[in-house]
Amino acid sequence: MADSVYRVTEVVGVSSDSWEQATKSAVAAVGESVRDLRVAEVIRQDVTIEDGKISGFRIRLGVSFKYEKG
């Protein structure tokens, strides 16, 4: 296996439906501008609350992608 270097960047996905949908949205958005995504690690999950009810799901992901030789 050749030596590799990966960058990890944090992103936050938001959904009114679920943490799963928030995750899918975040990965899809990152995938539009970054190639060769490798791993997304859940760092933190939380919810927003309005009038005593959950109004949104937020997920913070560490998303890694491989550096390309320039």
Protein backbone atom coordinates (compact mmCIF):
# COMPACT_ATOMS: atom_id res chain seq x y z
CA MET A 1 0.00 0.00 0.00
CA ALA A 2 1.36 3.40 -0.98
CA ASP A 3 1.65 6.18 1.57
CA SER A 4 -1.32 8.56 1.47
CA VAL A 5 -2.38 11.85 2.98
CA TYR A 6 -5.98 12.68 3.81
CA ARG A 7 -7.60 15.91 4.89
CA VAL A 8 -10.41 15.94 7.44
CA THR A 9 -12.81 18.85 7.52
CA GLU A 10 -15.86 19.37 9.70
CA VAL A 11 -19.28 20.06 8.26
CA VAL A 12 -22.73 20.41 9.81
CA GLY A 13 -25.81 18.94 8.17
CA VAL A 14 -29.31 20.06 9.13
CA SER A 15 -32.68 18.39 8.54
CA SER A 16 -36.19 18.82 9.89
CA ASP A 17 -36.72 15.04 9.47
CA SER A 18 -33.83 13.05 10.99
CA TRP A 19 -30.12 12.78 11.75
CA GLU A 20 -29.85 10.33 8.86
CA GLN A 21 -31.23 12.88 6.42
CA ALA A 22 -28.96 15.58 7.88
CA THR A 23 -26.00 13.24 7.28
CA LYS A 24 -27.03 12.48 3.70
CA SER A 25 -27.50 16.18 2.95
CA ALA A 26 -24.09 17.10 4.36
CA VAL A 27 -22.26 14.36 2.44
CA ALA A 28 -24.10 15.23 -0.79
CA ALA A 29 -23.22 18.92 -0.43
CA VAL A 30 -19.54 18.20 0.23
CA GLY A 31 -19.50 15.72 -2.65
CA GLU A 32 -20.48 18.49 -5.06
CA SER A 33 -17.19 20.33 -4.53
CA VAL A 34 -14.76 17.69 -3.22
CA ARG A 35 -13.70 14.54 -5.05
CA ASP A 36 -12.65 11.22 -3.60
CA LEU A 37 -14.54 11.36 -0.30
CA ARG A 38 -13.45 8.47 1.91
CA VAL A 39 -15.03 8.50 5.38
CA ALA A 40 -17.53 10.55 7.35
CA GLU A 41 -17.28 10.27 11.12
CA VAL A 42 -20.10 11.46 13.38
CA ILE A 43 -18.61 13.90 15.86
CA ARG A 44 -21.78 15.17 17.48
CA GLN A 45 -25.54 15.04 17.12
CA ASP A 46 -27.97 17.59 18.51
CA VAL A 47 -31.47 18.88 18.00
CA THR A 48 -33.05 22.31 17.93
CA ILE A 49 -36.17 22.81 20.02
CA GLU A 50 -39.02 25.24 19.44
CA ASP A 51 -42.08 25.49 21.68
CA GLY A 52 -40.97 22.37 23.56
CA LYS A 53 -40.78 20.22 20.42
CA ILE A 54 -37.91 19.08 18.24
CA SER A 55 -37.80 21.29 15.17
CA GLY A 56 -34.52 20.22 13.60
CA PHE A 57 -31.77 17.63 13.64
CA ARG A 58 -28.13 18.67 13.32
CA ILE A 59 -25.14 16.44 12.80
CA ARG A 60 -21.48 17.42 12.85
CA LEU A 61 -19.31 15.22 10.64
CA GLY A 62 -15.59 14.91 10.13
CA VAL A 63 -15.37 14.21 6.39
CA SER A 64 -12.10 12.93 4.94
CA PHE A 65 -10.83 13.01 1.39
CA LYS A 66 -7.57 12.09 -0.25
CA TYR A 67 -5.10 14.71 -1.44
CA GLU A 68 -4.19 14.33 -5.09
CA LYS A 69 -0.68 14.70 -6.41
CA GLY A 70 -0.27 18.09 -8.05
